[in-house]
Amino acid sequence: MKRKDFIDHITKKGCIFVREGGSHTVYKNPAKNKKTTIPRHNEIDDLLCKKICKQLEIPSI
């Protein structure tokens, strides 16, 4: 999945940008108080997308 599409999905579900790291971006779900990192690659594996959604406690794509 394209990183831009995935970022659009999680922001529509209420997640917010926290900070940029060296090779990752940190996003937070303020409703559930959950944080996770998203790699800064053009493509993100679908299984990783599902895992990130699970960590943020939002529905996966």
N, C-alpha and C. Protein backbone atom coordinates (compact mmCIF):
# COMPACT_ATOMS: atom_id res chain seq x y z
N MET A 1 0.85 -1.17 0.00
CA MET A 1 0.00 0.00 0.00
C MET A 1 0.89 1.23 0.00
N LYS A 2 0.46 2.25 -0.70
CA LYS A 2 1.20 3.51 -0.72
C LYS A 2 1.13 4.17 0.66
N ARG A 3 2.25 4.73 1.09
CA ARG A 3 2.33 5.35 2.41
C ARG A 3 1.33 6.49 2.53
N LYS A 4 1.21 7.30 1.49
CA LYS A 4 0.28 8.44 1.51
C LYS A 4 -1.16 7.97 1.73
N ASP A 5 -1.56 6.91 1.05
CA ASP A 5 -2.92 6.38 1.22
C ASP A 5 -3.14 5.88 2.64
N PHE A 6 -2.12 5.23 3.21
CA PHE A 6 -2.24 4.71 4.57
C PHE A 6 -2.34 5.86 5.58
N ILE A 7 -1.53 6.90 5.40
CA ILE A 7 -1.58 8.07 6.29
C ILE A 7 -2.96 8.72 6.20
N ASP A 8 -3.50 8.83 4.99
CA ASP A 8 -4.85 9.38 4.82
C ASP A 8 -5.88 8.56 5.59
N HIS A 9 -5.75 7.23 5.54
CA HIS A 9 -6.69 6.34 6.24
C HIS A 9 -6.64 6.57 7.75
N ILE A 10 -5.44 6.57 8.33
CA ILE A 10 -5.37 6.67 9.79
C ILE A 10 -5.77 8.07 10.28
N THR A 11 -5.50 9.12 9.49
CA THR A 11 -5.92 10.45 9.92
C THR A 11 -7.45 10.60 9.84
N LYS A 12 -8.08 9.95 8.87
CA LYS A 12 -9.54 9.97 8.79
C LYS A 12 -10.17 9.25 9.98
N LYS A 13 -9.44 8.30 10.56
CA LYS A 13 -9.94 7.57 11.72
C LYS A 13 -9.62 8.28 13.04
N GLY A 14 -9.03 9.48 12.96
CA GLY A 14 -8.82 10.28 14.16
C GLY A 14 -7.41 10.31 14.71
N CYS A 15 -6.47 9.67 14.05
CA CYS A 15 -5.09 9.66 14.54
C CYS A 15 -4.40 10.97 14.15
N ILE A 16 -3.46 11.39 15.00
CA ILE A 16 -2.77 12.64 14.77
C ILE A 16 -1.26 12.42 14.70
N PHE A 17 -0.59 13.30 13.96
CA PHE A 17 0.87 13.28 13.84
C PHE A 17 1.48 13.74 15.16
N VAL A 18 2.54 13.02 15.60
CA VAL A 18 3.23 13.41 16.83
C VAL A 18 4.59 14.00 16.50
N ARG A 19 5.44 13.21 15.80
CA ARG A 19 6.78 13.69 15.48
C ARG A 19 7.41 12.85 14.39
N GLU A 20 8.50 13.37 13.81
CA GLU A 20 9.29 12.64 12.84
C GLU A 20 10.51 12.07 13.55
N GLY A 21 10.87 10.86 13.21
CA GLY A 21 12.08 10.26 13.72
C GLY A 21 13.09 10.15 12.60
N GLY A 22 14.13 9.35 12.80
CA GLY A 22 15.15 9.18 11.78
C GLY A 22 14.62 8.52 10.53
N SER A 23 13.91 7.41 10.70
CA SER A 23 13.37 6.69 9.55
C SER A 23 11.91 6.32 9.75
N HIS A 24 11.29 6.88 10.80
CA HIS A 24 9.89 6.58 11.10
C HIS A 24 9.14 7.85 11.46
N THR A 25 7.83 7.78 11.36
CA THR A 25 6.95 8.86 11.79
C THR A 25 6.06 8.31 12.90
N VAL A 26 5.85 9.09 13.93
CA VAL A 26 5.04 8.64 15.07
C VAL A 26 3.65 9.26 14.96
N TYR A 27 2.64 8.40 15.08
CA TYR A 27 1.24 8.84 15.08
C TYR A 27 0.58 8.34 16.35
N LYS A 28 -0.45 9.07 16.79
CA LYS A 28 -1.14 8.74 18.04
C LYS A 28 -2.65 8.74 17.81
N ASN A 29 -3.33 7.81 18.47
CA ASN A 29 -4.78 7.79 18.50
C ASN A 29 -5.18 8.38 19.86
N PRO A 30 -5.56 9.67 19.90
CA PRO A 30 -5.85 10.30 21.19
C PRO A 30 -7.07 9.72 21.90
N ALA A 31 -8.00 9.14 21.16
CA ALA A 31 -9.19 8.56 21.78
C ALA A 31 -8.84 7.35 22.63
N LYS A 32 -7.87 6.56 22.18
CA LYS A 32 -7.47 5.35 22.90
C LYS A 32 -6.13 5.51 23.61
N ASN A 33 -5.48 6.67 23.41
CA ASN A 33 -4.16 6.94 23.98
C ASN A 33 -3.13 5.89 23.55
N LYS A 34 -3.11 5.57 22.26
CA LYS A 34 -2.18 4.59 21.70
C LYS A 34 -1.26 5.28 20.71
N LYS A 35 0.02 4.91 20.70
CA LYS A 35 1.01 5.47 19.78
C LYS A 35 1.67 4.34 19.00
N THR A 36 2.12 4.64 17.78
CA THR A 36 2.89 3.69 17.01
C THR A 36 3.73 4.43 15.99
N THR A 37 4.69 3.71 15.41
CA THR A 37 5.55 4.29 14.39
C THR A 37 5.18 3.75 13.03
N ILE A 38 5.36 4.59 12.02
CA ILE A 38 5.09 4.21 10.63
C ILE A 38 6.37 4.45 9.86
N PRO A 39 6.88 3.43 9.16
CA PRO A 39 8.13 3.61 8.41
C PRO A 39 7.96 4.60 7.27
N ARG A 40 9.03 5.29 6.92
CA ARG A 40 8.98 6.26 5.83
C ARG A 40 9.49 5.62 4.55
N HIS A 41 8.73 4.65 4.05
CA HIS A 41 9.00 4.02 2.76
C HIS A 41 7.84 4.39 1.84
N ASN A 42 8.07 4.36 0.53
CA ASN A 42 6.98 4.66 -0.40
C ASN A 42 5.89 3.62 -0.33
N GLU A 43 6.27 2.37 -0.15
CA GLU A 43 5.32 1.26 -0.04
C GLU A 43 5.41 0.65 1.35
N ILE A 44 4.27 0.37 1.95
CA ILE A 44 4.21 -0.31 3.25
C ILE A 44 3.46 -1.61 3.03
N ASP A 45 4.01 -2.71 3.53
CA ASP A 45 3.40 -4.02 3.37
C ASP A 45 2.01 -4.05 4.00
N ASP A 46 1.09 -4.76 3.35
CA ASP A 46 -0.30 -4.81 3.83
C ASP A 46 -0.40 -5.41 5.23
N LEU A 47 0.41 -6.42 5.53
CA LEU A 47 0.37 -7.01 6.87
C LEU A 47 0.84 -6.01 7.93
N LEU A 48 1.83 -5.20 7.58
CA LEU A 48 2.30 -4.17 8.50
C LEU A 48 1.23 -3.11 8.71
N CYS A 49 0.50 -2.77 7.67
CA CYS A 49 -0.60 -1.81 7.80
C CYS A 49 -1.66 -2.32 8.77
N LYS A 50 -2.00 -3.60 8.64
CA LYS A 50 -2.98 -4.20 9.55
C LYS A 50 -2.48 -4.18 10.99
N LYS A 51 -1.18 -4.46 11.17
CA LYS A 51 -0.60 -4.48 12.51
C LYS A 51 -0.61 -3.08 13.13
N ILE A 52 -0.30 -2.07 12.32
CA ILE A 52 -0.30 -0.70 12.81
C ILE A 52 -1.71 -0.28 13.20
N CYS A 53 -2.70 -0.64 12.38
CA CYS A 53 -4.09 -0.32 12.71
C CYS A 53 -4.51 -1.00 14.01
N LYS A 54 -4.07 -2.23 14.20
CA LYS A 54 -4.39 -2.95 15.43
C LYS A 54 -3.76 -2.26 16.64
N GLN A 55 -2.51 -1.80 16.48
CA GLN A 55 -1.83 -1.10 17.58
C GLN A 55 -2.54 0.20 17.93
N LEU A 56 -3.05 0.90 16.92
CA LEU A 56 -3.77 2.16 17.15
C LEU A 56 -5.23 1.94 17.52
N GLU A 57 -5.68 0.69 17.46
CA GLU A 57 -7.05 0.30 17.77
C GLU A 57 -8.06 1.02 16.85
N ILE A 58 -7.77 0.99 15.55
CA ILE A 58 -8.68 1.52 14.53
C ILE A 58 -8.96 0.42 13.52
N PRO A 59 -10.04 0.51 12.76
CA PRO A 59 -10.31 -0.51 11.74
C PRO A 59 -9.25 -0.48 10.63
N SER A 60 -8.85 -1.66 10.18
CA SER A 60 -7.87 -1.72 9.10
C SER A 60 -8.55 -1.49 7.77
N ILE A 61 -7.74 -1.29 6.77
CA ILE A 61 -8.27 -1.00 5.42
C ILE A 61 -8.86 -2.24 4.80
